[in-house]
Amino acid sequence: MNPIYEISRLQDKLPIAVVQDLHHRIADWLSSGGSYDDPYMFQQLLYAQGVAERVKCND
């Protein structure tokens, strides 16, 4: 599983502020030498999934 791909699939279900925050977190991680498949990236995916679920419940 590619966490970046999965996050991009969720972006339509997320508030814009969350999408921007995730973009900055991921860009900072990658620019500091991190990899796309590091555990940190999967943590970001879990965060995005959690927010998407909470937003869905509030609709």
C-alpha atoms as a PDB file:
ATOM      1  CA  MET A   1       0.000   0.000   0.000  1.00  0.00           C
ATOM      2  CA  ASN A   2       1.234   3.467  -0.899  1.00  0.00           C
ATOM      3  CA  PRO A   3       0.238   5.920   1.874  1.00  0.00           C
ATOM      4  CA  ILE A   4       0.620   8.965  -0.391  1.00  0.00           C
ATOM      5  CA  TYR A   5      -1.786   7.474  -2.924  1.00  0.00           C
ATOM      6  CA  GLU A   6      -4.281   6.551  -0.205  1.00  0.00           C
ATOM      7  CA  ILE A   7      -4.129  10.055   1.301  1.00  0.00           C
ATOM      8  CA  SER A   8      -4.691  11.601  -2.125  1.00  0.00           C
ATOM      9  CA  ARG A   9      -7.792   9.436  -2.556  1.00  0.00           C
ATOM     10  CA  LEU A  10      -9.177  10.844   0.710  1.00  0.00           C
ATOM     11  CA  GLN A  11      -8.482  14.515   0.056  1.00  0.00           C
ATOM     12  CA  ASP A  12     -11.984  15.236  -1.290  1.00  0.00           C
ATOM     13  CA  LYS A  13     -13.388  14.050   2.039  1.00  0.00           C
ATOM     14  CA  LEU A  14     -11.086  16.234   4.159  1.00  0.00           C
ATOM     15  CA  PRO A  15     -11.299  19.900   5.160  1.00  0.00           C
ATOM     16  CA  ILE A  16      -8.886  22.045   3.156  1.00  0.00           C
ATOM     17  CA  ALA A  17      -6.935  22.931   6.315  1.00  0.00           C
ATOM     18  CA  VAL A  18      -6.239  19.234   6.926  1.00  0.00           C
ATOM     19  CA  VAL A  19      -5.152  18.694   3.315  1.00  0.00           C
ATOM     20  CA  GLN A  20      -2.768  21.645   3.551  1.00  0.00           C
ATOM     21  CA  ASP A  21      -1.403  20.426   6.887  1.00  0.00           C
ATOM     22  CA  LEU A  22      -0.805  16.938   5.503  1.00  0.00           C
ATOM     23  CA  HIS A  23       0.889  18.387   2.431  1.00  0.00           C
ATOM     24  CA  HIS A  24       3.289  20.386   4.611  1.00  0.00           C
ATOM     25  CA  ARG A  25       3.996  17.452   6.928  1.00  0.00           C
ATOM     26  CA  ILE A  26       4.714  15.118   4.010  1.00  0.00           C
ATOM     27  CA  ALA A  27       6.844  17.671   2.151  1.00  0.00           C
ATOM     28  CA  ASP A  28       8.881  18.391   5.290  1.00  0.00           C
ATOM     29  CA  TRP A  29       9.347  14.678   5.936  1.00  0.00           C
ATOM     30  CA  LEU A  30      10.513  13.940   2.415  1.00  0.00           C
ATOM     31  CA  SER A  31      12.802  16.989   2.269  1.00  0.00           C
ATOM     32  CA  SER A  32      14.495  15.867   5.488  1.00  0.00           C
ATOM     33  CA  GLY A  33      15.412  12.527   3.910  1.00  0.00           C
ATOM     34  CA  GLY A  34      12.338  10.497   4.796  1.00  0.00           C
ATOM     35  CA  SER A  35      10.864   7.930   2.455  1.00  0.00           C
ATOM     36  CA  TYR A  36       7.366   7.367   1.081  1.00  0.00           C
ATOM     37  CA  ASP A  37       7.102   4.038   2.884  1.00  0.00           C
ATOM     38  CA  ASP A  38       8.352   5.102   6.325  1.00  0.00           C
ATOM     39  CA  PRO A  39       6.112   4.446   9.329  1.00  0.00           C
ATOM     40  CA  TYR A  40       5.612   8.212   9.656  1.00  0.00           C
ATOM     41  CA  MET A  41       3.800   8.252   6.331  1.00  0.00           C
ATOM     42  CA  PHE A  42       1.462   5.508   7.499  1.00  0.00           C
ATOM     43  CA  GLN A  43       0.764   7.564  10.643  1.00  0.00           C
ATOM     44  CA  GLN A  44      -0.281  10.437   8.390  1.00  0.00           C
ATOM     45  CA  LEU A  45      -2.582   8.088   6.495  1.00  0.00           C
ATOM     46  CA  LEU A  46      -4.189   6.937   9.738  1.00  0.00           C
ATOM     47  CA  TYR A  47      -4.672  10.579  10.729  1.00  0.00           C
ATOM     48  CA  ALA A  48      -6.313  11.360   7.361  1.00  0.00           C
ATOM     49  CA  GLN A  49      -8.574   8.312   7.628  1.00  0.00           C
ATOM     50  CA  GLY A  50      -9.612   9.320  11.148  1.00  0.00           C
ATOM     51  CA  VAL A  51     -10.462  12.867  10.117  1.00  0.00           C
ATOM     52  CA  ALA A  52     -12.392  11.635   7.075  1.00  0.00           C
ATOM     53  CA  GLU A  53     -14.400   9.302   9.286  1.00  0.00           C
ATOM     54  CA  ARG A  54     -15.202  12.073  11.795  1.00  0.00           C
ATOM     55  CA  VAL A  55     -16.222  14.460   9.018  1.00  0.00           C
ATOM     56  CA  LYS A  56     -18.496  11.778   7.551  1.00  0.00           C
ATOM     57  CA  CYS A  57     -20.155  11.225  10.932  1.00  0.00           C
ATOM     58  CA  ASN A  58     -20.851  14.953  11.294  1.00  0.00           C
ATOM     59  CA  ASP A  59     -22.615  15.268   7.931  1.00  0.00           C
END
